[in-house]
N, C-alpha and C. Protein backbone atom coordinates (compact mmCIF):
# COMPACT_ATOMS: atom_id res chain seq x y z
N MET A 1 -35.73 -7.32 -14.31
CA MET A 1 -35.33 -6.75 -13.02
C MET A 1 -34.51 -8.29 -12.48
N THR A 2 -32.95 -7.57 -12.01
CA THR A 2 -32.60 -8.88 -11.30
C THR A 2 -31.97 -9.34 -10.52
N ALA A 3 -32.22 -9.44 -9.32
CA ALA A 3 -31.96 -9.94 -8.07
C ALA A 3 -30.35 -10.02 -7.16
N GLU A 4 -30.10 -8.86 -6.33
CA GLU A 4 -28.96 -9.08 -5.59
C GLU A 4 -28.95 -9.78 -4.29
N PRO A 5 -27.93 -10.78 -3.75
CA PRO A 5 -27.70 -10.65 -2.84
C PRO A 5 -28.22 -9.22 -1.60
N VAL A 6 -28.62 -10.10 -0.62
CA VAL A 6 -28.88 -8.33 0.64
C VAL A 6 -28.37 -9.48 1.55
N ALA A 7 -27.88 -8.06 2.30
CA ALA A 7 -26.94 -8.23 3.69
C ALA A 7 -27.30 -9.17 4.19
N GLU A 8 -28.92 -8.96 5.68
CA GLU A 8 -29.60 -9.92 6.45
C GLU A 8 -31.19 -10.28 5.85
N PRO A 9 -31.37 -10.93 5.36
CA PRO A 9 -32.33 -11.04 4.92
C PRO A 9 -33.61 -10.90 5.04
N ILE A 10 -34.51 -10.18 4.90
CA ILE A 10 -35.73 -9.78 6.34
C ILE A 10 -37.35 -10.06 4.80
N SER A 11 -38.43 -9.66 5.86
CA SER A 11 -39.50 -10.11 5.12
C SER A 11 -40.05 -8.84 4.51
N SER A 12 -39.41 -8.15 4.27
CA SER A 12 -40.20 -6.66 3.68
C SER A 12 -39.02 -6.65 1.86
N SER A 13 -40.26 -5.99 1.28
CA SER A 13 -39.52 -5.90 -0.29
C SER A 13 -40.52 -4.56 -0.08
N VAL A 14 -39.27 -4.08 -1.08
CA VAL A 14 -39.93 -2.66 -1.75
C VAL A 14 -39.62 -2.45 -3.11
N LEU A 15 -40.84 -1.76 -3.83
CA LEU A 15 -41.17 -1.48 -4.54
C LEU A 15 -40.39 0.14 -4.89
N ILE A 16 -39.02 0.47 -5.58
CA ILE A 16 -39.18 1.69 -6.21
C ILE A 16 -39.43 2.36 -6.96
N VAL A 17 -40.31 3.34 -6.86
CA VAL A 17 -40.42 3.79 -8.28
C VAL A 17 -40.59 5.18 -8.76
N ASP A 18 -39.40 5.35 -9.83
CA ASP A 18 -38.90 6.84 -9.52
C ASP A 18 -38.02 7.18 -10.72
N SER A 19 -38.55 8.28 -11.60
CA SER A 19 -38.39 8.11 -13.06
C SER A 19 -36.55 8.63 -13.03
N ASP A 20 -35.52 9.15 -12.07
CA ASP A 20 -34.24 9.50 -12.06
C ASP A 20 -33.16 8.30 -11.83
N ILE A 21 -32.81 7.64 -12.56
CA ILE A 21 -32.06 6.80 -12.76
C ILE A 21 -30.97 6.85 -11.11
N ILE A 22 -30.09 8.35 -10.79
CA ILE A 22 -29.51 8.33 -9.42
C ILE A 22 -30.43 7.36 -8.45
N SER A 23 -31.54 8.51 -7.90
CA SER A 23 -32.03 8.52 -7.00
C SER A 23 -32.40 7.26 -7.03
N ARG A 24 -32.59 6.32 -7.53
CA ARG A 24 -33.27 5.19 -7.65
C ARG A 24 -32.07 4.27 -7.59
N HIS A 25 -31.15 4.54 -8.09
CA HIS A 25 -30.07 3.54 -8.12
C HIS A 25 -29.59 3.38 -6.74
N LEU A 26 -29.31 4.75 -6.20
CA LEU A 26 -29.09 5.40 -4.62
C LEU A 26 -30.06 3.97 -3.69
N ASN A 27 -31.19 4.81 -3.95
CA ASN A 27 -31.99 3.99 -2.40
C ASN A 27 -32.11 2.67 -2.51
N ARG A 28 -32.07 2.12 -3.55
CA ARG A 28 -31.89 0.11 -4.08
C ARG A 28 -30.38 0.64 -3.09
N LYS A 29 -29.49 1.05 -3.23
CA LYS A 29 -28.52 0.45 -2.75
C LYS A 29 -28.34 0.60 -1.28
N LEU A 30 -28.96 1.34 -0.68
CA LEU A 30 -29.36 1.48 0.85
C LEU A 30 -30.28 0.59 1.39
N LEU A 31 -31.61 0.75 0.71
CA LEU A 31 -32.41 -0.39 1.10
C LEU A 31 -31.66 -1.42 0.85
N ARG A 32 -30.90 -2.14 0.39
CA ARG A 32 -30.66 -3.51 -0.35
C ARG A 32 -29.34 -3.97 1.00
N ASN A 33 -28.95 -2.66 1.41
CA ASN A 33 -27.69 -2.56 2.63
C ASN A 33 -28.51 -2.98 3.63
N CYS A 34 -29.76 -2.76 3.91
CA CYS A 34 -30.36 -2.60 4.92
C CYS A 34 -31.42 -3.92 5.27
N GLY A 35 -31.03 -4.59 4.06
CA GLY A 35 -32.31 -6.60 3.95
C GLY A 35 -33.03 -6.50 3.48
N TYR A 36 -33.33 -5.24 2.94
CA TYR A 36 -34.40 -5.72 1.71
C TYR A 36 -34.53 -6.16 0.44
N ALA A 37 -35.03 -6.38 0.07
CA ALA A 37 -35.48 -7.16 -1.05
C ALA A 37 -36.17 -5.76 -1.75
N VAL A 38 -35.09 -5.66 -3.16
CA VAL A 38 -35.74 -4.63 -3.59
C VAL A 38 -35.84 -4.29 -5.31
N VAL A 39 -36.95 -4.08 -5.87
CA VAL A 39 -37.33 -4.06 -6.83
C VAL A 39 -37.37 -2.32 -7.29
N GLU A 40 -37.15 -2.30 -8.82
CA GLU A 40 -36.88 -1.16 -9.41
C GLU A 40 -38.13 -0.63 -10.74
N ALA A 41 -38.53 0.59 -10.58
CA ALA A 41 -39.43 0.62 -11.53
C ALA A 41 -39.27 2.37 -12.13
N ALA A 42 -38.76 2.27 -13.25
CA ALA A 42 -38.68 3.72 -13.69
C ALA A 42 -39.77 4.62 -14.18
N ASN A 43 -40.92 4.27 -13.92
CA ASN A 43 -42.21 5.08 -13.86
C ASN A 43 -43.61 3.88 -13.68
N THR A 44 -44.47 4.61 -13.43
CA THR A 44 -45.57 4.04 -12.73
C THR A 44 -45.83 3.06 -14.12
N ASP A 45 -45.63 3.19 -15.58
CA ASP A 45 -46.14 1.82 -16.31
C ASP A 45 -45.40 0.83 -15.95
N GLU A 46 -44.05 0.60 -15.23
CA GLU A 46 -43.16 -0.45 -15.21
C GLU A 46 -43.85 -1.19 -13.39
N ALA A 47 -43.69 0.38 -13.01
CA ALA A 47 -44.67 -0.31 -11.44
C ALA A 47 -45.82 -1.41 -11.35
N PHE A 48 -47.09 -0.99 -12.67
CA PHE A 48 -47.69 -1.15 -12.40
C PHE A 48 -47.49 -3.12 -13.15
N ILE A 49 -46.51 -2.97 -13.86
CA ILE A 49 -46.26 -4.45 -14.70
C ILE A 49 -45.47 -5.25 -13.10
N ALA A 50 -44.82 -5.16 -12.95
CA ALA A 50 -44.13 -5.24 -11.45
C ALA A 50 -45.29 -6.15 -10.21
N LEU A 51 -46.54 -4.93 -10.56
CA LEU A 51 -47.35 -5.73 -9.65
C LEU A 51 -48.04 -6.38 -10.03
N ALA A 52 -48.46 -6.89 -11.22
CA ALA A 52 -49.10 -7.59 -11.84
C ALA A 52 -48.80 -9.03 -11.88
N GLU A 53 -46.89 -8.60 -11.40
CA GLU A 53 -45.62 -9.98 -11.71
C GLU A 53 -46.27 -11.61 -10.61
N ALA A 54 -47.16 -12.40 -10.55
CA ALA A 54 -47.60 -13.32 -9.64
C ALA A 54 -46.20 -13.60 -8.90
N THR A 55 -45.40 -13.26 -9.29
CA THR A 55 -43.86 -13.91 -8.15
C THR A 55 -43.32 -13.10 -7.53
N LEU A 56 -43.74 -11.70 -8.06
CA LEU A 56 -42.98 -10.76 -7.15
C LEU A 56 -44.47 -10.35 -5.94
N PHE A 57 -43.35 -10.38 -4.89
CA PHE A 57 -43.68 -9.92 -3.61
C PHE A 57 -43.41 -8.69 -2.41
N VAL A 58 -44.71 -7.81 -3.20
CA VAL A 58 -43.80 -6.41 -2.21
C VAL A 58 -44.98 -5.85 -1.07
N ASP A 59 -44.88 -4.87 -0.24
CA ASP A 59 -44.61 -5.10 0.96
C ASP A 59 -44.66 -3.59 1.03
N VAL A 60 -43.62 -2.53 0.57
CA VAL A 60 -43.58 -1.03 0.79
C VAL A 60 -43.95 -0.66 -0.50
N ILE A 61 -44.10 0.35 -1.21
CA ILE A 61 -43.69 1.26 -2.05
C ILE A 61 -43.61 2.30 -1.82
N LEU A 62 -42.28 2.73 -2.37
CA LEU A 62 -41.43 4.59 -2.05
C LEU A 62 -41.33 4.77 -3.47
N CYS A 63 -42.68 5.35 -4.01
CA CYS A 63 -42.81 6.37 -4.88
C CYS A 63 -42.56 8.18 -5.29
N ASP A 64 -41.52 8.04 -6.32
CA ASP A 64 -41.68 9.82 -6.26
C ASP A 64 -43.12 10.14 -6.96
N ILE A 65 -43.75 11.33 -5.99
CA ILE A 65 -44.93 11.89 -6.61
C ILE A 65 -44.32 12.46 -8.45
N SER A 66 -43.29 12.83 -8.28
CA SER A 66 -43.24 13.16 -10.33
C SER A 66 -42.61 12.34 -10.97
N ALA A 67 -43.18 10.61 -10.26
CA ALA A 67 -42.56 9.76 -11.73
C ALA A 67 -43.59 9.94 -12.36
N LEU A 68 -43.00 9.62 -14.26
CA LEU A 68 -43.51 9.75 -15.35
C LEU A 68 -43.60 8.41 -15.37
N GLY A 69 -44.77 8.17 -16.16
CA GLY A 69 -45.45 7.59 -16.52
C GLY A 69 -47.57 8.01 -17.45
N SER A 70 -48.11 6.82 -17.42
CA SER A 70 -49.25 7.06 -17.97
C SER A 70 -50.11 7.42 -16.73
N ARG A 71 -49.27 7.27 -15.44
CA ARG A 71 -50.28 7.83 -13.91
C ARG A 71 -49.21 8.84 -13.81
N SER A 72 -49.12 10.06 -12.89
CA SER A 72 -48.72 10.58 -12.06
C SER A 72 -48.38 9.38 -10.68
N GLY A 73 -47.45 10.11 -10.20
CA GLY A 73 -46.85 9.82 -9.43
C GLY A 73 -47.86 9.65 -7.90
N SER A 74 -48.61 10.89 -7.71
CA SER A 74 -49.99 10.30 -6.84
C SER A 74 -51.13 9.60 -7.44
N GLU A 75 -51.38 9.60 -8.63
CA GLU A 75 -52.43 8.59 -9.02
C GLU A 75 -52.07 7.46 -8.88
N PHE A 76 -51.02 6.46 -8.93
CA PHE A 76 -50.33 5.57 -9.01
C PHE A 76 -50.92 5.34 -7.35
N ALA A 77 -50.36 5.94 -6.56
CA ALA A 77 -50.62 5.87 -5.20
C ALA A 77 -51.84 5.66 -4.76
N ASP A 78 -52.91 6.40 -5.37
CA ASP A 78 -54.38 6.86 -5.08
C ASP A 78 -54.62 5.52 -5.42
N TRP A 79 -54.41 5.15 -6.62
CA TRP A 79 -54.84 3.20 -6.91
C TRP A 79 -54.09 2.56 -6.22
N VAL A 80 -52.91 1.97 -6.20
CA VAL A 80 -52.69 1.23 -4.97
C VAL A 80 -53.56 1.09 -3.93
N ARG A 81 -53.42 2.35 -3.30
CA ARG A 81 -54.37 2.59 -2.19
C ARG A 81 -56.04 2.27 -2.25
N THR A 82 -56.53 2.39 -2.92
CA THR A 82 -57.68 0.95 -3.46
C THR A 82 -57.80 0.50 -3.96
N ASN A 83 -56.82 0.15 -4.88
CA ASN A 83 -57.09 -1.40 -5.14
C ASN A 83 -56.19 -2.75 -4.63
N ARG A 84 -55.40 -2.13 -4.00
CA ARG A 84 -54.15 -2.81 -3.26
C ARG A 84 -54.03 -2.27 -1.35
N PRO A 85 -54.66 -2.53 -1.32
CA PRO A 85 -54.67 -1.60 0.53
C PRO A 85 -53.78 -2.27 1.23
N GLU A 86 -53.70 -3.52 1.22
CA GLU A 86 -52.20 -4.48 1.46
C GLU A 86 -50.49 -3.90 1.61
N LEU A 87 -50.94 -3.44 0.27
CA LEU A 87 -49.56 -2.87 0.38
C LEU A 87 -49.35 -0.63 1.05
N GLU A 88 -48.35 -0.85 1.45
CA GLU A 88 -47.79 0.07 2.07
C GLU A 88 -47.00 1.74 1.17
N VAL A 89 -47.70 2.18 1.00
CA VAL A 89 -47.32 3.37 -0.41
C VAL A 89 -46.76 4.54 0.74
N ARG A 90 -45.59 5.11 0.15
CA ARG A 90 -44.87 5.60 0.88
C ARG A 90 -44.74 7.44 -0.49
N LEU A 91 -45.26 8.47 -0.64
CA LEU A 91 -44.69 9.16 -1.81
C LEU A 91 -44.00 10.31 -1.31
N ALA A 92 -42.98 10.40 -2.14
CA ALA A 92 -41.89 11.37 -2.06
C ALA A 92 -41.39 12.88 -2.78
N GLY A 93 -41.65 13.57 -2.30
CA GLY A 93 -41.33 15.01 -3.60
C GLY A 93 -40.03 15.40 -3.63
N GLY A 94 -39.47 14.76 -3.73
CA GLY A 94 -38.31 14.93 -4.78
C GLY A 94 -36.67 13.97 -3.49
N VAL A 95 -35.79 13.73 -4.76
CA VAL A 95 -34.57 13.04 -4.18
C VAL A 95 -34.09 13.12 -3.10
N GLU A 96 -34.08 13.98 -2.02
CA GLU A 96 -33.77 14.38 -1.17
C GLU A 96 -34.80 13.57 0.17
N ILE A 97 -36.32 13.68 -0.87
CA ILE A 97 -37.30 12.93 0.53
C ILE A 97 -37.46 12.05 0.54
N ALA A 98 -37.23 11.20 -0.86
CA ALA A 98 -36.71 9.73 -1.28
C ALA A 98 -35.86 9.39 -0.43
N ALA A 99 -34.54 9.71 -0.36
CA ALA A 99 -32.92 9.20 0.22
C ALA A 99 -33.83 8.75 1.72
N GLN A 100 -34.23 10.47 2.04
CA GLN A 100 -34.85 10.27 3.23
C GLN A 100 -35.76 9.07 3.82
N THR A 101 -36.95 9.43 3.26
CA THR A 101 -37.62 8.58 3.46
C THR A 101 -36.92 6.80 3.27
N ALA A 102 -35.86 6.54 2.38
CA ALA A 102 -35.36 5.20 1.88
C ALA A 102 -35.21 4.66 3.43
N ALA A 103 -34.17 5.56 4.22
CA ALA A 103 -33.64 5.89 4.94
C ALA A 103 -34.08 5.68 6.47
N GLU A 104 -36.06 5.91 6.60
CA GLU A 104 -36.32 5.96 7.30
C GLU A 104 -36.47 4.38 7.43
N LEU A 105 -37.14 3.47 6.51
CA LEU A 105 -37.12 1.96 6.90
C LEU A 105 -36.40 1.59 6.71
N CYS A 106 -34.57 2.04 7.23
CA CYS A 106 -33.41 1.45 7.40
C CYS A 106 -33.05 2.11 9.04
N LYS A 107 -34.08 2.41 9.25
CA LYS A 107 -33.15 3.08 11.14
C LYS A 107 -32.07 2.12 11.48
N PRO A 108 -31.13 2.24 12.06
CA PRO A 108 -30.23 3.66 11.97
C PRO A 108 -29.65 3.71 10.15
N ALA A 109 -29.84 4.85 9.83
CA ALA A 109 -29.12 5.07 8.23
C ALA A 109 -29.26 6.90 7.80
N PRO A 110 -27.89 7.12 7.49
CA PRO A 110 -27.52 8.23 7.41
C PRO A 110 -28.55 8.82 6.40
N HIS A 111 -28.62 10.13 6.95
CA HIS A 111 -29.96 11.14 5.63
C HIS A 111 -28.78 11.59 4.65
N LEU A 112 -28.25 11.30 3.31
CA LEU A 112 -27.52 11.88 3.30
C LEU A 112 -28.00 12.51 1.93
N LYS A 113 -27.68 14.10 1.80
CA LYS A 113 -28.42 14.98 1.39
C LYS A 113 -27.95 15.32 -0.37
N ARG A 114 -28.64 16.07 -1.19
CA ARG A 114 -27.87 15.89 -2.49
C ARG A 114 -27.74 17.43 -2.47
N PRO A 115 -26.20 17.82 -3.12
CA PRO A 115 -25.34 16.84 -3.69
C PRO A 115 -24.65 15.90 -2.79
N HIS A 116 -24.92 14.91 -2.98
CA HIS A 116 -23.46 13.85 -1.54
C HIS A 116 -22.41 14.47 -1.52
N GLU A 117 -22.44 14.09 -0.38
CA GLU A 117 -20.48 14.52 0.01
C GLU A 117 -20.48 13.24 0.16
N PHE A 118 -19.45 13.18 -0.80
CA PHE A 118 -18.88 11.82 -0.93
C PHE A 118 -18.05 11.26 0.29
N LEU A 119 -16.90 12.15 0.40
CA LEU A 119 -16.74 11.60 2.20
C LEU A 119 -17.48 11.05 3.18
N ALA A 120 -18.75 11.01 3.76
CA ALA A 120 -19.35 10.86 4.35
C ALA A 120 -19.93 9.46 3.65
N VAL A 121 -20.62 9.24 2.01
CA VAL A 121 -21.17 7.92 2.01
C VAL A 121 -19.94 7.27 2.36
N VAL A 122 -18.44 7.58 1.78
CA VAL A 122 -17.34 7.00 2.21
C VAL A 122 -17.12 6.43 3.90
N ASP A 123 -17.21 6.87 4.19
CA ASP A 123 -17.13 6.79 5.49
C ASP A 123 -18.36 5.99 5.74
N TYR A 124 -19.47 6.44 5.51
CA TYR A 124 -20.34 5.23 6.01
C TYR A 124 -20.21 3.80 5.66
N ILE A 125 -20.04 3.55 4.31
CA ILE A 125 -19.50 2.34 3.75
C ILE A 125 -18.06 1.74 4.93
N LYS A 126 -17.42 2.50 5.24
CA LYS A 126 -16.32 2.14 5.75
C LYS A 126 -17.26 1.49 6.80
N GLN A 127 -17.80 2.59 7.73
CA GLN A 127 -18.38 1.72 8.77
C GLN A 127 -19.10 0.46 8.83
N LEU A 128 -20.28 0.63 8.04
CA LEU A 128 -20.80 -0.49 7.84
C LEU A 128 -20.05 -1.59 7.37
N ARG A 129 -18.85 -1.63 7.00
CA ARG A 129 -17.60 -2.54 6.55
C ARG A 129 -17.37 -2.97 7.89
N ALA A 130 -16.80 -2.06 8.46
CA ALA A 130 -16.40 -2.56 9.85
C ALA A 130 -17.21 -3.10 10.63
N SER A 131 -18.22 -2.92 10.81
CA SER A 131 -19.55 -3.49 12.12
C SER A 131 -19.98 -4.86 11.40
N ARG A 132 -19.46 -5.01 10.47
CA ARG A 132 -19.80 -6.49 10.06
C ARG A 132 -18.27 -7.57 10.19
N ALA A 133 -18.29 -8.51 11.33
CA ALA A 133 -17.33 -9.33 11.29
C ALA A 133 -16.94 -10.34 10.57
N PRO A 134 -15.57 -10.78 10.01
CA PRO A 134 -15.76 -11.67 8.86
C PRO A 134 -15.74 -12.93 9.57
N CYS A 135 -16.92 -14.23 8.90
CA CYS A 135 -17.01 -15.50 8.98
C CYS A 135 -16.18 -16.26 9.70
């Protein structure tokens, strides 16, 4: 787990639990661009390890319902709701729903559907860069 600088630091951090590396990385980039600190877990077992880390603070968990691991995404979410009720858990049923959920955390943000229209992604990135005035 490596830390990358975020655009505008905010007090929230998100744990993304998704076995699909492309979905996980796209949502990481989107959320970091919105100022969230992001931690990634490739399966529910890694997510449990992340939650047990004393120095890691998580406010929201974005979990794919079909995440791999010793527990399913829905079982993991049930465990979190029972044992860590202070955490908000958002289940996503697929890549498109995961991206939409991540985008909702970042309002306003585009809802980029898969397969991605790469020109739309490039246009969005250009808009973000243009909106940030140089120091």
